[in-house]
Amino acid sequence: MTDQENKISKIRSLLDLLEAEISEEDNFSFSHNFDALEIPSIIASIVDYLQPQLLPYEAAIYWNLFRKSILASGNQYARVSVRGMQKGVITSSSGQTSSLSYSSVQDALSGLEKKGVIAKAGDTTREGTPYRVYIPEEIAICQQLKATIAAQQTEVKPVDARRELDFYNVPENRLKVFERDNYKCHYCQKQLTRFTATLDHIQPVSRGGDNSYENLITACLHCNSRRGNRAVMEMYQINDASS
């Protein structure tokens, strides 16, 4: 191995470690904030915005992965094998058998990956391949469909942004801020969910800021922690220096 190839190998190893740390932080945030009471809302979003964009086998396999990850353990990861998903997921389109062909499962998993609905989260072993299962809030095609439907509605209810309302502590008001920001961190633009997103005050409470709609922005846990009591512009300078 040449010196240049050795350097490239080290860089890749460091990137893999960094990605693993970020995934671990996301998984902790999701598991820590996940509330089973929100399952009906998540399922409604899947039915409204994701399922209409999936092929039948893709939809069946997504629901199976959803069952084995979020419903079973409260986190977004499931390890499955192609052979293990051939039976017990859906009856074949011909209706002649309850088993899917090996290639049908492979094609469905590949289709879900291409649509940004799932992502491989590690190496394949004898037990199968680990996948991260996304929910509509972090799936681009779902957000696009949601925006299209909203634009087609004749009557759009305005957001009540009166300053006396608390958008920090009231759950339904917090979601309005997250939705306004498309569940993306204001500082690093990372895609988040209602379980990994946090709210950050533009004007800190310690400096007279309040919990109004206009004074709150969506931030990931990492950026929110880094900011502390700094001014918002200081965070941009820190992120620019890090990039």
C-alpha atoms as a PDB file:
ATOM      1  CA  MET A   1       0.000   0.000   0.000  1.00  0.00           C
ATOM      2  CA  THR A   2       1.400   3.394  -1.022  1.00  0.00           C
ATOM      3  CA  ASP A   3       1.672   6.306   1.381  1.00  0.00           C
ATOM      4  CA  GLN A   4      -1.248   8.060  -0.335  1.00  0.00           C
ATOM      5  CA  GLU A   5      -3.444   4.960  -0.166  1.00  0.00           C
ATOM      6  CA  ASN A   6      -2.566   4.609   3.518  1.00  0.00           C
ATOM      7  CA  LYS A   7      -3.652   8.215   4.172  1.00  0.00           C
ATOM      8  CA  ILE A   8      -6.926   7.677   2.290  1.00  0.00           C
ATOM      9  CA  SER A   9      -7.566   4.519   4.330  1.00  0.00           C
ATOM     10  CA  LYS A  10      -7.024   6.420   7.592  1.00  0.00           C
ATOM     11  CA  ILE A  11      -9.360   9.214   6.475  1.00  0.00           C
ATOM     12  CA  ARG A  12     -12.073   6.698   5.616  1.00  0.00           C
ATOM     13  CA  SER A  13     -11.667   5.037   9.002  1.00  0.00           C
ATOM     14  CA  LEU A  14     -12.032   8.388  10.763  1.00  0.00           C
ATOM     15  CA  LEU A  15     -15.145   9.209   8.719  1.00  0.00           C
ATOM     16  CA  ASP A  16     -16.646   5.812   9.599  1.00  0.00           C
ATOM     17  CA  LEU A  17     -15.991   6.468  13.294  1.00  0.00           C
ATOM     18  CA  LEU A  18     -17.550   9.939  13.056  1.00  0.00           C
ATOM     19  CA  GLU A  19     -20.628   8.579  11.277  1.00  0.00           C
ATOM     20  CA  ALA A  20     -21.005   5.862  13.918  1.00  0.00           C
ATOM     21  CA  GLU A  21     -20.823   8.457  16.719  1.00  0.00           C
ATOM     22  CA  ILE A  22     -23.463  10.634  15.023  1.00  0.00           C
ATOM     23  CA  SER A  23     -25.761   7.635  14.488  1.00  0.00           C
ATOM     24  CA  GLU A  24     -25.319   6.621  18.127  1.00  0.00           C
ATOM     25  CA  GLU A  25     -26.212  10.143  19.269  1.00  0.00           C
ATOM     26  CA  ASP A  26     -29.304  10.178  17.022  1.00  0.00           C
ATOM     27  CA  ASN A  27     -30.394   6.774  18.305  1.00  0.00           C
ATOM     28  CA  PHE A  28     -29.997   7.922  21.917  1.00  0.00           C
ATOM     29  CA  SER A  29     -31.999  11.094  21.227  1.00  0.00           C
ATOM     30  CA  PHE A  30     -34.762   9.149  19.483  1.00  0.00           C
ATOM     31  CA  SER A  31     -35.003   6.458  22.191  1.00  0.00           C
ATOM     32  CA  HIS A  32     -34.836   9.042  24.998  1.00  0.00           C
ATOM     33  CA  ASN A  33     -37.605  11.242  23.575  1.00  0.00           C
ATOM     34  CA  PHE A  34     -39.758   8.587  21.905  1.00  0.00           C
ATOM     35  CA  ASP A  35     -43.309   8.535  23.267  1.00  0.00           C
ATOM     36  CA  ALA A  36     -45.472   5.530  22.396  1.00  0.00           C
ATOM     37  CA  LEU A  37     -48.531   7.785  22.652  1.00  0.00           C
ATOM     38  CA  GLU A  38     -47.447   9.387  19.373  1.00  0.00           C
ATOM     39  CA  ILE A  39     -47.585   6.093  17.470  1.00  0.00           C
ATOM     40  CA  PRO A  40     -51.085   6.832  16.029  1.00  0.00           C
ATOM     41  CA  SER A  41     -49.818  10.160  14.670  1.00  0.00           C
ATOM     42  CA  ILE A  42     -46.753   8.532  13.094  1.00  0.00           C
ATOM     43  CA  ILE A  43     -48.853   5.763  11.532  1.00  0.00           C
ATOM     44  CA  ALA A  44     -51.275   8.368  10.139  1.00  0.00           C
ATOM     45  CA  SER A  45     -48.335  10.189   8.524  1.00  0.00           C
ATOM     46  CA  ILE A  46     -47.082   6.930   7.006  1.00  0.00           C
ATOM     47  CA  VAL A  47     -50.530   6.151   5.570  1.00  0.00           C
ATOM     48  CA  ASP A  48     -51.052   9.708   4.269  1.00  0.00           C
ATOM     49  CA  TYR A  49     -47.624  10.601   2.888  1.00  0.00           C
ATOM     50  CA  LEU A  50     -45.454   7.481   2.505  1.00  0.00           C
ATOM     51  CA  GLN A  51     -47.605   4.508   1.561  1.00  0.00           C
ATOM     52  CA  PRO A  52     -49.123   6.206  -1.540  1.00  0.00           C
ATOM     53  CA  GLN A  53     -45.581   6.483  -2.959  1.00  0.00           C
ATOM     54  CA  LEU A  54     -44.510   2.877  -2.370  1.00  0.00           C
ATOM     55  CA  LEU A  55     -44.993  -0.252  -4.453  1.00  0.00           C
ATOM     56  CA  PRO A  56     -47.014  -2.998  -2.699  1.00  0.00           C
ATOM     57  CA  TYR A  57     -43.983  -5.120  -1.747  1.00  0.00           C
ATOM     58  CA  GLU A  58     -42.064  -2.018  -0.637  1.00  0.00           C
ATOM     59  CA  ALA A  59     -44.960  -0.982   1.608  1.00  0.00           C
ATOM     60  CA  ALA A  60     -45.269  -4.462   3.122  1.00  0.00           C
ATOM     61  CA  ILE A  61     -41.559  -4.676   3.874  1.00  0.00           C
ATOM     62  CA  TYR A  62     -41.477  -1.144   5.300  1.00  0.00           C
ATOM     63  CA  TRP A  63     -44.304  -1.990   7.719  1.00  0.00           C
ATOM     64  CA  ASN A  64     -42.445  -5.168   8.695  1.00  0.00           C
ATOM     65  CA  LEU A  65     -39.267  -3.183   9.418  1.00  0.00           C
ATOM     66  CA  PHE A  66     -41.304  -0.551  11.283  1.00  0.00           C
ATOM     67  CA  ARG A  67     -42.788  -3.310  13.435  1.00  0.00           C
ATOM     68  CA  LYS A  68     -39.353  -4.767  14.226  1.00  0.00           C
ATOM     69  CA  SER A  69     -37.741  -1.426  15.047  1.00  0.00           C
ATOM     70  CA  ILE A  70     -39.853   1.473  16.324  1.00  0.00           C
ATOM     71  CA  LEU A  71     -42.812  -0.564  17.586  1.00  0.00           C
ATOM     72  CA  ALA A  72     -40.716  -3.344  19.097  1.00  0.00           C
ATOM     73  CA  SER A  73     -37.896  -1.437  20.752  1.00  0.00           C
ATOM     74  CA  GLY A  74     -38.528   2.301  20.472  1.00  0.00           C
ATOM     75  CA  ASN A  75     -35.514   2.862  18.226  1.00  0.00           C
ATOM     76  CA  GLN A  76     -35.069   3.163  14.470  1.00  0.00           C
ATOM     77  CA  TYR A  77     -32.916   0.089  13.829  1.00  0.00           C
ATOM     78  CA  ALA A  78     -33.742  -3.472  12.784  1.00  0.00           C
ATOM     79  CA  ARG A  79     -31.532  -6.298  11.552  1.00  0.00           C
ATOM     80  CA  VAL A  80     -33.179  -8.492   8.927  1.00  0.00           C
ATOM     81  CA  SER A  81     -32.188 -10.961   6.228  1.00  0.00           C
ATOM     82  CA  VAL A  82     -33.588 -11.291   2.729  1.00  0.00           C
ATOM     83  CA  ARG A  83     -34.392 -14.969   3.284  1.00  0.00           C
ATOM     84  CA  GLY A  84     -36.024 -14.179   6.616  1.00  0.00           C
ATOM     85  CA  MET A  85     -38.406 -11.735   4.918  1.00  0.00           C
ATOM     86  CA  GLN A  86     -39.490 -14.101   2.172  1.00  0.00           C
ATOM     87  CA  LYS A  87     -42.191 -15.573   4.424  1.00  0.00           C
ATOM     88  CA  GLY A  88     -44.699 -13.951   6.740  1.00  0.00           C
ATOM     89  CA  VAL A  89     -44.588 -10.472   5.182  1.00  0.00           C
ATOM     90  CA  ILE A  90     -47.116 -10.496   2.338  1.00  0.00           C
ATOM     91  CA  THR A  91     -48.777 -12.937  -0.048  1.00  0.00           C
ATOM     92  CA  SER A  92     -47.243 -12.898  -3.528  1.00  0.00           C
ATOM     93  CA  SER A  93     -49.006 -10.839  -6.205  1.00  0.00           C
ATOM     94  CA  SER A  94     -50.100 -14.035  -7.944  1.00  0.00           C
ATOM     95  CA  GLY A  95     -51.939 -15.084  -4.802  1.00  0.00           C
ATOM     96  CA  GLN A  96     -50.598 -18.606  -5.180  1.00  0.00           C
ATOM     97  CA  THR A  97     -48.166 -18.521  -2.261  1.00  0.00           C
ATOM     98  CA  SER A  98     -47.537 -16.667   0.986  1.00  0.00           C
ATOM     99  CA  SER A  99     -43.820 -16.519   0.177  1.00  0.00           C
ATOM    100  CA  LEU A 100     -41.949 -13.879  -1.805  1.00  0.00           C
ATOM    101  CA  SER A 101     -39.089 -14.684  -4.125  1.00  0.00           C
ATOM    102  CA  TYR A 102     -35.569 -13.780  -3.059  1.00  0.00           C
ATOM    103  CA  SER A 103     -35.346 -11.201  -5.856  1.00  0.00           C
ATOM    104  CA  SER A 104     -38.694  -9.616  -4.870  1.00  0.00           C
ATOM    105  CA  VAL A 105     -37.427  -8.922  -1.360  1.00  0.00           C
ATOM    106  CA  GLN A 106     -34.115  -7.607  -2.703  1.00  0.00           C
ATOM    107  CA  ASP A 107     -35.896  -5.307  -5.179  1.00  0.00           C
ATOM    108  CA  ALA A 108     -38.214  -3.986  -2.456  1.00  0.00           C
ATOM    109  CA  LEU A 109     -35.341  -3.241  -0.073  1.00  0.00           C
ATOM    110  CA  SER A 110     -33.391  -1.583  -2.880  1.00  0.00           C
ATOM    111  CA  GLY A 111     -36.435   0.504  -3.832  1.00  0.00           C
ATOM    112  CA  LEU A 112     -36.898   1.659  -0.235  1.00  0.00           C
ATOM    113  CA  GLU A 113     -33.233   2.668  -0.055  1.00  0.00           C
ATOM    114  CA  LYS A 114     -33.405   4.627  -3.327  1.00  0.00           C
ATOM    115  CA  LYS A 115     -36.466   6.505  -2.072  1.00  0.00           C
ATOM    116  CA  GLY A 116     -34.668   7.416   1.169  1.00  0.00           C
ATOM    117  CA  VAL A 117     -37.085   5.422   3.306  1.00  0.00           C
ATOM    118  CA  ILE A 118     -34.494   3.082   4.867  1.00  0.00           C
ATOM    119  CA  ALA A 119     -30.701   2.986   4.942  1.00  0.00           C
ATOM    120  CA  LYS A 120     -28.145   0.300   5.679  1.00  0.00           C
ATOM    121  CA  ALA A 121     -26.637   0.903   9.108  1.00  0.00           C
ATOM    122  CA  GLY A 122     -23.779  -1.604   9.169  1.00  0.00           C
ATOM    123  CA  ASP A 123     -22.256  -4.724   7.692  1.00  0.00           C
ATOM    124  CA  THR A 124     -24.213  -7.836   6.774  1.00  0.00           C
ATOM    125  CA  THR A 125     -23.699 -10.830   9.069  1.00  0.00           C
ATOM    126  CA  ARG A 126     -25.266 -14.270   9.382  1.00  0.00           C
ATOM    127  CA  GLU A 127     -28.151 -12.655  11.263  1.00  0.00           C
ATOM    128  CA  GLY A 128     -28.804 -10.250   8.397  1.00  0.00           C
ATOM    129  CA  THR A 129     -28.279  -6.591   7.548  1.00  0.00           C
ATOM    130  CA  PRO A 130     -28.983  -3.729   9.982  1.00  0.00           C
ATOM    131  CA  TYR A 131     -31.240  -1.009   8.574  1.00  0.00           C
ATOM    132  CA  ARG A 132     -32.230   2.382   9.875  1.00  0.00           C
ATOM    133  CA  VAL A 133     -35.977   2.869   9.419  1.00  0.00           C
ATOM    134  CA  TYR A 134     -36.969   6.472   8.776  1.00  0.00           C
ATOM    135  CA  ILE A 135     -40.325   8.058   9.615  1.00  0.00           C
ATOM    136  CA  PRO A 136     -42.112  10.556   7.314  1.00  0.00           C
ATOM    137  CA  GLU A 137     -40.660  13.621   9.021  1.00  0.00           C
ATOM    138  CA  GLU A 138     -37.176  12.728   7.753  1.00  0.00           C
ATOM    139  CA  ILE A 139     -38.154  11.314   4.345  1.00  0.00           C
ATOM    140  CA  ALA A 140     -37.860  13.869   1.531  1.00  0.00           C
ATOM    141  CA  ILE A 141     -40.604  12.431  -0.684  1.00  0.00           C
ATOM    142  CA  CYS A 142     -43.049  12.572   2.244  1.00  0.00           C
ATOM    143  CA  GLN A 143     -42.270  16.206   2.985  1.00  0.00           C
ATOM    144  CA  GLN A 144     -42.654  17.049  -0.711  1.00  0.00           C
ATOM    145  CA  LEU A 145     -46.064  15.345  -0.899  1.00  0.00           C
ATOM    146  CA  LYS A 146     -47.170  17.045   2.309  1.00  0.00           C
ATOM    147  CA  ALA A 147     -46.180  20.450   0.898  1.00  0.00           C
ATOM    148  CA  THR A 148     -48.008  19.722  -2.362  1.00  0.00           C
ATOM    149  CA  ILE A 149     -51.202  18.754  -0.534  1.00  0.00           C
ATOM    150  CA  ALA A 150     -50.984  21.851   1.679  1.00  0.00           C
ATOM    151  CA  ALA A 151     -50.554  24.102  -1.373  1.00  0.00           C
ATOM    152  CA  GLN A 152     -53.650  22.598  -2.988  1.00  0.00           C
ATOM    153  CA  GLN A 153     -55.872  23.239   0.006  1.00  0.00           C
ATOM    154  CA  THR A 154     -58.240  26.163  -0.490  1.00  0.00           C
ATOM    155  CA  GLU A 155     -58.264  27.151   3.152  1.00  0.00           C
ATOM    156  CA  VAL A 156     -55.036  27.226   5.115  1.00  0.00           C
ATOM    157  CA  LYS A 157     -55.301  27.917   8.796  1.00  0.00           C
ATOM    158  CA  PRO A 158     -52.793  30.597   9.829  1.00  0.00           C
ATOM    159  CA  VAL A 159     -50.374  29.821  12.628  1.00  0.00           C
ATOM    160  CA  ASP A 160     -51.400  31.632  15.782  1.00  0.00           C
ATOM    161  CA  ALA A 161     -48.154  33.426  16.568  1.00  0.00           C
ATOM    162  CA  ARG A 162     -49.328  35.649  19.405  1.00  0.00           C
ATOM    163  CA  ARG A 163     -46.434  36.283  21.718  1.00  0.00           C
ATOM    164  CA  GLU A 164     -48.347  35.256  24.827  1.00  0.00           C
ATOM    165  CA  LEU A 165     -48.628  31.660  23.581  1.00  0.00           C
ATOM    166  CA  ASP A 166     -45.976  29.249  24.787  1.00  0.00           C
ATOM    167  CA  PHE A 167     -44.344  27.451  21.853  1.00  0.00           C
ATOM    168  CA  TYR A 168     -41.613  25.926  24.001  1.00  0.00           C
ATOM    169  CA  ASN A 169     -43.499  23.918  26.610  1.00  0.00           C
ATOM    170  CA  VAL A 170     -46.798  23.115  24.862  1.00  0.00           C
ATOM    171  CA  PRO A 171     -46.289  19.926  22.758  1.00  0.00           C
ATOM    172  CA  GLU A 172     -48.627  20.847  19.888  1.00  0.00           C
ATOM    173  CA  ASN A 173     -47.040  24.292  19.638  1.00  0.00           C
ATOM    174  CA  ARG A 174     -43.519  22.792  19.584  1.00  0.00           C
ATOM    175  CA  LEU A 175     -44.533  20.742  16.527  1.00  0.00           C
ATOM    176  CA  LYS A 176     -45.580  23.943  14.744  1.00  0.00           C
ATOM    177  CA  VAL A 177     -42.039  25.304  15.081  1.00  0.00           C
ATOM    178  CA  PHE A 178     -40.511  21.997  13.924  1.00  0.00           C
ATOM    179  CA  GLU A 179     -42.848  21.891  10.916  1.00  0.00           C
ATOM    180  CA  ARG A 180     -42.087  25.501  10.035  1.00  0.00           C
ATOM    181  CA  ASP A 181     -38.385  24.616   9.940  1.00  0.00           C
ATOM    182  CA  ASN A 182     -39.026  21.323   8.066  1.00  0.00           C
ATOM    183  CA  TYR A 183     -37.472  19.414  10.972  1.00  0.00           C
ATOM    184  CA  LYS A 184     -33.986  20.680  10.038  1.00  0.00           C
ATOM    185  CA  CYS A 185     -31.344  22.043  12.380  1.00  0.00           C
ATOM    186  CA  HIS A 186     -31.101  25.819  11.913  1.00  0.00           C
ATOM    187  CA  TYR A 187     -27.312  25.676  12.272  1.00  0.00           C
ATOM    188  CA  CYS A 188     -26.015  22.537  10.512  1.00  0.00           C
ATOM    189  CA  GLN A 189     -29.099  21.720   8.368  1.00  0.00           C
ATOM    190  CA  LYS A 190     -29.236  18.151   9.677  1.00  0.00           C
ATOM    191  CA  GLN A 191     -32.558  16.375   9.068  1.00  0.00           C
ATOM    192  CA  LEU A 192     -34.290  15.652  12.396  1.00  0.00           C
ATOM    193  CA  THR A 193     -37.513  14.136  13.744  1.00  0.00           C
ATOM    194  CA  ARG A 194     -39.845  15.172  16.552  1.00  0.00           C
ATOM    195  CA  PHE A 195     -37.803  12.849  18.800  1.00  0.00           C
ATOM    196  CA  THR A 196     -34.320  14.138  17.897  1.00  0.00           C
ATOM    197  CA  ALA A 197     -35.159  17.839  17.409  1.00  0.00           C
ATOM    198  CA  THR A 198     -34.803  20.443  20.162  1.00  0.00           C
ATOM    199  CA  LEU A 199     -35.897  24.075  20.390  1.00  0.00           C
ATOM    200  CA  ASP A 200     -33.363  26.857  20.773  1.00  0.00           C
ATOM    201  CA  HIS A 201     -34.131  30.441  21.771  1.00  0.00           C
ATOM    202  CA  ILE A 202     -32.855  33.078  19.334  1.00  0.00           C
ATOM    203  CA  GLN A 203     -32.728  35.545  22.226  1.00  0.00           C
ATOM    204  CA  PRO A 204     -31.790  33.506  25.321  1.00  0.00           C
ATOM    205  CA  VAL A 205     -34.258  33.583  28.211  1.00  0.00           C
ATOM    206  CA  SER A 206     -31.407  34.789  30.426  1.00  0.00           C
ATOM    207  CA  ARG A 207     -31.190  37.853  28.196  1.00  0.00           C
ATOM    208  CA  GLY A 208     -34.888  38.596  28.138  1.00  0.00           C
ATOM    209  CA  GLY A 209     -36.037  36.176  25.444  1.00  0.00           C
ATOM    210  CA  ASP A 210     -39.443  34.497  25.595  1.00  0.00           C
ATOM    211  CA  ASN A 211     -41.112  31.298  24.346  1.00  0.00           C
ATOM    212  CA  SER A 212     -42.861  32.933  21.398  1.00  0.00           C
ATOM    213  CA  TYR A 213     -43.060  31.404  17.907  1.00  0.00           C
ATOM    214  CA  GLU A 214     -40.695  34.036  16.483  1.00  0.00           C
ATOM    215  CA  ASN A 215     -38.036  33.515  19.180  1.00  0.00           C
ATOM    216  CA  LEU A 216     -37.635  29.764  18.674  1.00  0.00           C
ATOM    217  CA  ILE A 217     -35.730  27.770  16.065  1.00  0.00           C
ATOM    218  CA  THR A 218     -35.187  24.059  15.507  1.00  0.00           C
ATOM    219  CA  ALA A 219     -31.750  22.693  16.425  1.00  0.00           C
ATOM    220  CA  CYS A 220     -30.127  19.310  16.831  1.00  0.00           C
ATOM    221  CA  LEU A 221     -29.004  18.352  20.326  1.00  0.00           C
ATOM    222  CA  HIS A 222     -25.337  18.773  19.385  1.00  0.00           C
ATOM    223  CA  CYS A 223     -25.656  22.346  18.044  1.00  0.00           C
ATOM    224  CA  ASN A 224     -28.001  23.368  20.863  1.00  0.00           C
ATOM    225  CA  SER A 225     -25.493  22.146  23.452  1.00  0.00           C
ATOM    226  CA  ARG A 226     -22.579  23.835  21.687  1.00  0.00           C
ATOM    227  CA  ARG A 227     -24.335  27.160  21.471  1.00  0.00           C
ATOM    228  CA  GLY A 228     -25.000  27.568  25.178  1.00  0.00           C
ATOM    229  CA  ASN A 229     -25.536  31.290  25.834  1.00  0.00           C
ATOM    230  CA  ARG A 230     -23.773  32.485  22.663  1.00  0.00           C
ATOM    231  CA  ALA A 231     -25.438  34.779  20.156  1.00  0.00           C
ATOM    232  CA  VAL A 232     -26.864  33.032  17.088  1.00  0.00           C
ATOM    233  CA  MET A 233     -24.293  34.667  14.765  1.00  0.00           C
ATOM    234  CA  GLU A 234     -21.464  33.199  16.838  1.00  0.00           C
ATOM    235  CA  MET A 235     -22.770  29.712  16.049  1.00  0.00           C
ATOM    236  CA  TYR A 236     -22.546  30.393  12.330  1.00  0.00           C
ATOM    237  CA  GLN A 237     -18.915  31.452  12.769  1.00  0.00           C
ATOM    238  CA  ILE A 238     -18.156  28.274  14.749  1.00  0.00           C
ATOM    239  CA  ASN A 239     -19.800  26.052  12.112  1.00  0.00           C
ATOM    240  CA  ASP A 240     -17.934  27.866   9.304  1.00  0.00           C
ATOM    241  CA  ALA A 241     -14.646  27.326  11.121  1.00  0.00           C
ATOM    242  CA  SER A 242     -15.440  23.619  11.616  1.00  0.00           C
ATOM    243  CA  SER A 243     -16.379  23.018   7.979  1.00  0.00           C
END
